[in-house]
Amino acid sequence: MSFQPMYSDQLPTTRAFNKKAVALFSGGLDSALAVHLVKRQGVDVTAVHFTSFFAPLDLTDENSPVPAVIRQLDVPLVLLRKGEDFLDLIRKPRFGHGKNLNPCIDCRIYTFVKAKAFMEEIGASFLVTGEVVGQRPMSQRRDAIRLIEKQADCDGIVVRPLSAKVLPPTLPEEAGVIDREQLLDVTGRGRKIQLRLAAELGLTGYSSPAGGCLLTDKIFSRKLRDLLEGAEEVGEAELMMLHIGRHIRLRPGLKIVVARNEAEDYRLEDFETAGTMYAPVDFPGPLVLAVGMPDPEEDRIIGSILLRYSKEATRGDIIEIRHPDSGARRISVSQPAENDWIADRMI
């Protein structure tokens, strides 16, 4: 089967069929096995994968888990976008954040609502997920599972093939669309059963459970929280820059992003029109992008930070400043910023 993902707005509406399901697909092992366990019962499964600014999907990478696993499962894939409404959810989740900026319960409700709408659009009759009871502390407790279904108006239509036998029968099971006896009774955080089944199927290329959601990452969450607290509205460029470099808050309204290597220099150049770029002249060093409006004194501070992240042996003193509206100019900076001073402002 050739891999040709579609976005939801490209799909026609069809009539409902009993043995037709939509599977929420992350690219991980559990969601892949859930698709397999339902598909082998003759169910027509469409996988949906959610993308966002913090969870982009590189379809050009043949080794990326999502396309790699979908090809093995031989099911169609549809991409659903988490939009600005999801950013609002991150700001003020009804059911709170986890340890970092992860609104796990609210996020699950959000994806269920979107997946159910798509399910109805294509005439499918139930949802499938790779959730395992007790695997995740916030969203996969029994009480949380029930809460999420209720809040998303998905009572009884979510089949969880890996843990089906330890949960009440779903409506598709009661209707005979799904044979409960062919489903599993997995619970907890162990993965021996899943890994054994994957080996039997020859399933490879799925994402590591350690990868997880970026919103559970302490450093990424800190960057995103700083961005959201500093502005009522944020642009796509600012959100995508969260994936690049060191972020340093100089003051409210002024942040800089310091590239960590040559690859990030190239990536940061893509955002040059989003701020003021600082570049070393005739010596190796990182690009630095200022988001905000630096004053002349702050130009020198930013230049001193650029020097700090340049090698001492080859460090120069001329910094070029490029602004989209005012062109390029140069300044001389001789002293690098102190490590402790930077650390106090590092996001």
Protein backbone atom coordinates (compact mmCIF):
# COMPACT_ATOMS: atom_id res chain seq x y z
CA MET A 1 0.00 0.00 0.00
CA SER A 2 1.45 3.40 -0.93
CA PHE A 3 1.60 5.88 1.95
CA GLN A 4 -0.59 8.85 1.09
CA PRO A 5 -1.87 10.62 4.23
CA MET A 6 -4.84 12.93 3.91
CA TYR A 7 -5.93 15.91 5.92
CA SER A 8 -9.46 15.77 7.27
CA ASP A 9 -10.73 18.56 5.04
CA GLN A 10 -9.85 16.47 1.98
CA LEU A 11 -12.16 13.59 2.86
CA PRO A 12 -15.68 12.95 1.59
CA THR A 13 -18.55 12.18 3.93
CA THR A 14 -19.84 8.59 3.73
CA ARG A 15 -22.67 6.62 5.32
CA ALA A 16 -22.14 4.72 8.56
CA PHE A 17 -21.08 1.08 8.66
CA ASN A 18 -21.06 -1.08 11.78
CA LYS A 19 -17.62 -2.59 11.20
CA LYS A 20 -15.88 0.71 10.62
CA ALA A 21 -13.69 2.44 13.20
CA VAL A 22 -11.38 5.38 13.73
CA ALA A 23 -8.19 4.68 15.67
CA LEU A 24 -6.26 7.38 17.51
CA PHE A 25 -2.72 6.63 16.37
CA SER A 26 0.44 8.07 17.95
CA GLY A 27 3.07 6.00 16.15
CA GLY A 28 3.85 4.11 19.35
CA LEU A 29 3.63 0.38 19.98
CA ASP A 30 0.37 0.38 21.94
CA SER A 31 -1.63 2.29 19.35
CA ALA A 32 -0.17 0.10 16.58
CA LEU A 33 -1.19 -3.10 18.37
CA ALA A 34 -4.65 -1.70 19.04
CA VAL A 35 -5.11 -1.16 15.31
CA HIS A 36 -3.91 -4.68 14.57
CA LEU A 37 -6.18 -6.33 17.15
CA VAL A 38 -9.26 -4.62 15.70
CA LYS A 39 -8.30 -4.92 12.05
CA ARG A 40 -7.80 -8.69 12.33
CA GLN A 41 -11.48 -8.95 13.24
CA GLY A 42 -12.46 -7.58 9.86
CA VAL A 43 -12.99 -3.99 10.96
CA ASP A 44 -12.26 -1.24 8.44
CA VAL A 45 -9.88 0.97 10.42
CA THR A 46 -8.83 4.53 9.60
CA ALA A 47 -5.97 5.85 11.74
CA VAL A 48 -5.91 9.49 12.78
CA HIS A 49 -2.76 11.23 13.98
CA PHE A 50 -2.82 14.62 15.66
CA THR A 51 -0.21 17.20 14.67
CA SER A 52 0.60 20.53 16.31
CA PHE A 53 3.38 23.08 16.72
CA PHE A 54 4.96 20.90 19.45
CA ALA A 55 4.30 17.59 17.71
CA PRO A 56 5.10 18.10 14.02
CA LEU A 57 5.19 15.15 11.63
CA ASP A 58 7.93 14.84 9.03
CA LEU A 59 6.33 12.80 6.26
CA THR A 60 9.48 13.07 4.14
CA ASP A 61 11.37 10.93 6.65
CA GLU A 62 10.63 7.32 5.71
CA ASN A 63 11.96 6.19 9.10
CA SER A 64 9.59 8.43 11.04
CA PRO A 65 7.50 6.15 13.30
CA VAL A 66 4.07 7.23 12.08
CA PRO A 67 4.48 6.52 8.35
CA ALA A 68 6.78 3.55 9.00
CA VAL A 69 4.26 1.75 11.21
CA ILE A 70 1.23 2.72 9.14
CA ARG A 71 2.80 1.07 6.11
CA GLN A 72 3.16 -2.16 8.08
CA LEU A 73 -0.41 -2.02 9.40
CA ASP A 74 -1.71 -1.25 5.89
CA VAL A 75 -4.44 1.15 6.96
CA PRO A 76 -5.22 4.69 5.75
CA LEU A 77 -3.86 7.59 7.78
CA VAL A 78 -5.57 10.95 8.29
CA LEU A 79 -3.86 13.95 9.90
CA LEU A 80 -5.89 16.10 12.28
CA ARG A 81 -4.47 19.45 13.38
CA LYS A 82 -4.53 20.78 16.91
CA GLY A 83 -5.22 24.47 16.32
CA GLU A 84 -5.35 27.68 18.32
CA ASP A 85 -8.12 26.24 20.46
CA PHE A 86 -5.61 23.73 21.78
CA LEU A 87 -3.24 26.52 22.73
CA ASP A 88 -6.06 28.05 24.78
CA LEU A 89 -6.53 24.67 26.43
CA ILE A 90 -2.85 24.57 27.41
CA ARG A 91 -3.17 28.01 28.99
CA LYS A 92 -6.18 27.12 31.12
CA PRO A 93 -6.95 23.40 31.28
CA ARG A 94 -10.17 22.62 33.13
CA PHE A 95 -8.63 19.56 34.79
CA GLY A 96 -5.20 21.03 35.42
CA HIS A 97 -1.63 20.38 34.32
CA GLY A 98 0.56 17.44 35.15
CA LYS A 99 4.08 17.80 36.53
CA ASN A 100 4.95 20.22 33.75
CA LEU A 101 2.70 21.93 31.19
CA ASN A 102 0.92 18.74 30.12
CA PRO A 103 -2.90 19.01 30.34
CA CYS A 104 -3.29 15.25 29.91
CA ILE A 105 -6.98 14.84 30.75
CA ASP A 106 -8.08 17.95 28.85
CA CYS A 107 -5.91 16.91 25.90
CA ARG A 108 -7.48 13.46 25.82
CA ILE A 109 -10.96 14.96 25.89
CA TYR A 110 -9.95 17.31 23.06
CA THR A 111 -8.64 14.47 20.86
CA PHE A 112 -11.69 12.31 21.56
CA VAL A 113 -14.03 15.15 20.57
CA LYS A 114 -12.12 15.74 17.33
CA ALA A 115 -11.82 12.04 16.54
CA LYS A 116 -15.51 11.47 17.20
CA ALA A 117 -16.45 14.31 14.84
CA PHE A 118 -14.26 12.75 12.16
CA MET A 119 -15.74 9.32 12.93
CA GLU A 120 -19.22 10.67 12.25
CA GLU A 121 -17.97 12.45 9.13
CA ILE A 122 -16.83 9.20 7.50
CA GLY A 123 -19.63 7.04 8.86
CA ALA A 124 -17.58 4.99 11.31
CA SER A 125 -19.29 3.67 14.43
CA PHE A 126 -16.64 3.60 17.17
CA LEU A 127 -13.18 4.75 18.27
CA VAL A 128 -10.09 2.66 19.03
CA THR A 129 -7.16 3.66 21.25
CA GLY A 130 -3.99 2.00 22.50
CA GLU A 131 -4.63 3.05 26.08
CA VAL A 132 -3.59 0.64 28.82
CA VAL A 133 -5.25 0.84 32.23
CA GLY A 134 -2.78 2.13 34.82
CA GLN A 135 -0.02 2.97 32.34
CA ARG A 136 -0.20 6.77 32.63
CA PRO A 137 -0.85 8.40 36.01
CA MET A 138 -3.19 11.16 34.83
CA SER A 139 -5.25 9.99 31.87
CA GLN A 140 -5.24 6.18 32.12
CA ARG A 141 -6.58 5.59 35.60
CA ARG A 142 -9.97 3.89 35.58
CA ASP A 143 -11.72 6.97 36.97
CA ALA A 144 -9.95 9.23 34.45
CA ILE A 145 -10.93 6.95 31.57
CA ARG A 146 -14.56 7.19 32.60
CA LEU A 147 -14.35 10.97 33.10
CA ILE A 148 -12.76 11.54 29.70
CA GLU A 149 -15.37 9.47 27.87
CA LYS A 150 -18.18 11.31 29.63
CA GLN A 151 -16.75 14.79 28.99
CA ALA A 152 -16.11 13.97 25.31
CA ASP A 153 -19.59 12.48 24.86
CA CYS A 154 -18.01 9.16 23.89
CA ASP A 155 -19.70 6.90 26.44
CA GLY A 156 -19.34 3.27 25.42
CA ILE A 157 -17.90 3.83 21.95
CA VAL A 158 -14.17 3.74 22.78
CA VAL A 159 -12.63 0.28 22.36
CA ARG A 160 -9.29 -0.24 24.13
CA PRO A 161 -8.10 -3.59 22.73
CA LEU A 162 -5.08 -3.94 25.02
CA SER A 163 -7.09 -3.58 28.25
CA ALA A 164 -10.59 -4.53 27.06
CA LYS A 165 -10.96 -7.55 29.34
CA VAL A 166 -10.35 -5.53 32.50
CA LEU A 167 -12.88 -2.85 31.50
CA PRO A 168 -16.66 -3.02 31.11
CA PRO A 169 -17.82 -4.21 27.66
CA THR A 170 -18.20 -1.41 25.12
CA LEU A 171 -21.19 -0.93 22.84
CA PRO A 172 -19.36 -2.40 19.80
CA GLU A 173 -18.58 -5.51 21.87
CA GLU A 174 -22.16 -5.83 23.06
CA ALA A 175 -23.40 -5.42 19.48
CA GLY A 176 -21.14 -8.25 18.30
CA VAL A 177 -19.05 -6.00 16.04
CA ILE A 178 -15.98 -6.77 18.16
CA ASP A 179 -15.24 -10.17 19.73
CA ARG A 180 -14.16 -9.42 23.28
CA GLU A 181 -12.44 -12.80 23.59
CA GLN A 182 -9.89 -11.79 20.97
CA LEU A 183 -8.85 -8.72 22.95
CA LEU A 184 -6.33 -8.49 25.82
CA ASP A 185 -6.19 -7.80 29.55
CA VAL A 186 -3.00 -5.74 29.84
CA THR A 187 -2.62 -3.34 32.79
CA GLY A 188 0.17 -1.27 34.30
CA ARG A 189 3.40 0.09 32.92
CA GLY A 190 5.08 -3.18 31.95
CA ARG A 191 5.46 -3.87 28.23
CA LYS A 192 6.38 -7.56 28.05
CA ILE A 193 3.07 -8.59 26.48
CA GLN A 194 3.17 -5.80 23.90
CA LEU A 195 6.79 -6.47 22.98
CA ARG A 196 6.12 -10.19 22.60
CA LEU A 197 3.14 -9.53 20.33
CA ALA A 198 5.15 -7.02 18.28
CA ALA A 199 7.88 -9.61 17.80
CA GLU A 200 5.33 -12.22 16.67
CA LEU A 201 3.95 -9.74 14.13
CA GLY A 202 7.38 -8.56 13.01
CA LEU A 203 6.32 -4.99 13.81
CA THR A 204 9.22 -2.53 13.84
CA GLY A 205 9.95 1.19 13.70
CA TYR A 206 7.43 2.31 16.34
CA SER A 207 8.32 5.25 18.56
CA SER A 208 9.89 4.77 21.96
CA PRO A 209 7.65 5.24 25.01
CA ALA A 210 10.39 7.47 26.43
CA GLY A 211 9.78 9.99 23.64
CA GLY A 212 6.39 11.03 24.90
CA CYS A 213 4.70 14.40 24.64
CA LEU A 214 6.92 17.48 24.64
CA LEU A 215 4.56 19.12 27.11
CA THR A 216 5.82 16.64 29.72
CA ASP A 217 9.40 17.83 29.12
CA LYS A 218 10.58 20.24 31.83
CA ILE A 219 12.73 22.46 29.61
CA PHE A 220 10.25 22.68 26.73
CA SER A 221 7.41 23.40 29.16
CA ARG A 222 9.44 26.20 30.73
CA LYS A 223 9.97 27.79 27.31
CA LEU A 224 6.32 27.49 26.36
CA ARG A 225 5.08 28.81 29.72
CA ASP A 226 7.37 31.83 29.41
CA LEU A 227 6.03 32.50 25.91
CA LEU A 228 2.38 32.18 26.91
CA GLU A 229 2.77 34.31 30.02
CA GLY A 230 4.45 37.07 28.04
CA ALA A 231 1.77 37.57 25.38
CA GLU A 232 -1.95 37.20 24.89
CA GLU A 233 -1.39 36.08 21.31
CA VAL A 234 1.61 34.22 19.90
CA GLY A 235 2.50 33.53 16.29
CA GLU A 236 3.45 30.29 14.61
CA ALA A 237 7.08 31.41 14.23
CA GLU A 238 7.44 31.96 17.98
CA LEU A 239 5.95 28.56 18.69
CA MET A 240 8.20 26.76 16.21
CA MET A 241 11.27 28.52 17.64
CA LEU A 242 10.68 26.69 20.91
CA HIS A 243 12.31 23.68 19.23
CA ILE A 244 15.55 25.58 18.63
CA GLY A 245 18.43 26.70 20.81
CA ARG A 246 18.88 28.23 24.23
CA HIS A 247 16.17 30.69 25.26
CA ILE A 248 17.16 33.63 27.47
CA ARG A 249 14.68 36.20 28.81
CA LEU A 250 16.42 39.59 29.10
CA ARG A 251 13.30 41.45 30.24
CA PRO A 252 9.55 41.37 29.68
CA GLY A 253 9.02 41.84 25.96
CA LEU A 254 12.55 40.80 24.96
CA LYS A 255 13.83 37.26 24.58
CA ILE A 256 16.79 35.87 22.65
CA VAL A 257 17.32 32.47 21.06
CA VAL A 258 20.96 31.28 20.83
CA ALA A 259 21.72 28.52 18.31
CA ARG A 260 23.60 25.57 19.81
CA ASN A 261 25.28 24.29 16.65
CA GLU A 262 25.58 24.85 12.91
CA ALA A 263 22.38 22.95 12.17
CA GLU A 264 20.45 25.26 14.49
CA ASP A 265 22.09 28.27 12.81
CA TYR A 266 20.43 27.20 9.57
CA ARG A 267 17.10 26.61 11.29
CA LEU A 268 17.23 29.97 13.06
CA GLU A 269 17.84 31.75 9.76
CA ASP A 270 14.35 30.65 8.69
CA PHE A 271 12.94 32.94 11.40
CA GLU A 272 15.11 36.00 10.68
CA THR A 273 12.13 38.16 9.76
CA ALA A 274 10.56 37.44 13.18
CA GLY A 275 13.12 39.56 15.04
CA THR A 276 16.63 41.02 15.04
CA MET A 277 19.52 38.71 14.10
CA TYR A 278 23.00 38.96 15.65
CA ALA A 279 25.84 37.26 13.76
CA PRO A 280 29.60 37.00 14.37
CA VAL A 281 31.79 38.72 11.77
CA ASP A 282 34.91 36.83 10.65
CA PHE A 283 34.93 34.42 13.56
CA PRO A 284 32.97 31.22 14.32
CA GLY A 285 30.08 31.64 16.69
CA PRO A 286 26.35 31.14 17.01
CA LEU A 287 23.54 33.13 15.48
CA VAL A 288 21.35 34.87 18.05
CA LEU A 289 17.80 36.02 17.30
CA ALA A 290 16.17 38.66 19.48
CA VAL A 291 12.38 38.59 19.64
CA GLY A 292 11.33 42.05 20.75
CA MET A 293 12.90 45.50 20.32
CA PRO A 294 16.40 45.74 21.87
CA ASP A 295 17.78 49.19 22.70
CA PRO A 296 21.46 50.07 21.99
CA GLU A 297 22.62 48.91 25.42
CA GLU A 298 20.78 45.64 24.96
CA ASP A 299 22.48 45.21 21.58
CA ARG A 300 25.79 45.07 23.45
CA ILE A 301 24.41 42.68 26.06
CA ILE A 302 23.20 40.33 23.32
CA GLY A 303 26.59 40.62 21.61
CA SER A 304 28.31 39.67 24.88
CA ILE A 305 26.10 36.58 25.12
CA LEU A 306 27.05 35.65 21.56
CA LEU A 307 30.72 35.92 22.57
CA ARG A 308 30.11 33.71 25.60
CA TYR A 309 28.94 30.89 23.32
CA SER A 310 31.88 31.32 20.90
CA LYS A 311 35.18 29.49 21.39
CA GLU A 312 37.63 31.69 23.31
CA ALA A 313 40.59 30.81 21.10
CA THR A 314 38.92 32.08 17.92
CA ARG A 315 36.63 34.72 19.39
CA GLY A 316 36.38 38.06 17.58
CA ASP A 317 34.72 41.32 18.61
CA ILE A 318 32.60 42.50 15.66
CA ILE A 319 28.89 41.62 15.68
CA GLU A 320 26.57 42.29 12.76
CA ILE A 321 23.01 43.24 13.64
CA ARG A 322 20.37 42.63 10.99
CA HIS A 323 16.83 43.94 11.34
CA PRO A 324 14.14 43.26 8.69
CA ASP A 325 13.12 46.94 8.55
CA SER A 326 16.36 48.84 9.19
CA GLY A 327 18.99 46.75 7.39
CA ALA A 328 22.40 45.77 8.78
CA ARG A 329 24.89 47.54 11.05
CA ARG A 330 27.88 46.48 13.14
CA ILE A 331 29.00 46.97 16.71
CA SER A 332 32.15 46.07 18.62
CA VAL A 333 31.86 43.94 21.76
CA SER A 334 34.95 42.83 23.66
CA GLN A 335 33.77 41.10 26.83
CA PRO A 336 31.66 37.92 26.97
CA ALA A 337 28.77 37.75 29.40
CA GLU A 338 29.31 36.03 32.73
CA ASN A 339 27.99 32.48 33.08
CA ASP A 340 26.11 33.22 36.30
CA TRP A 341 24.44 36.28 34.75
CA ILE A 342 23.21 34.18 31.81
CA ALA A 343 22.10 31.32 34.06
CA ASP A 344 19.87 33.69 36.04
CA ARG A 345 18.03 34.62 32.84
CA MET A 346 17.97 31.25 31.11
CA ILE A 347 14.42 30.03 30.49
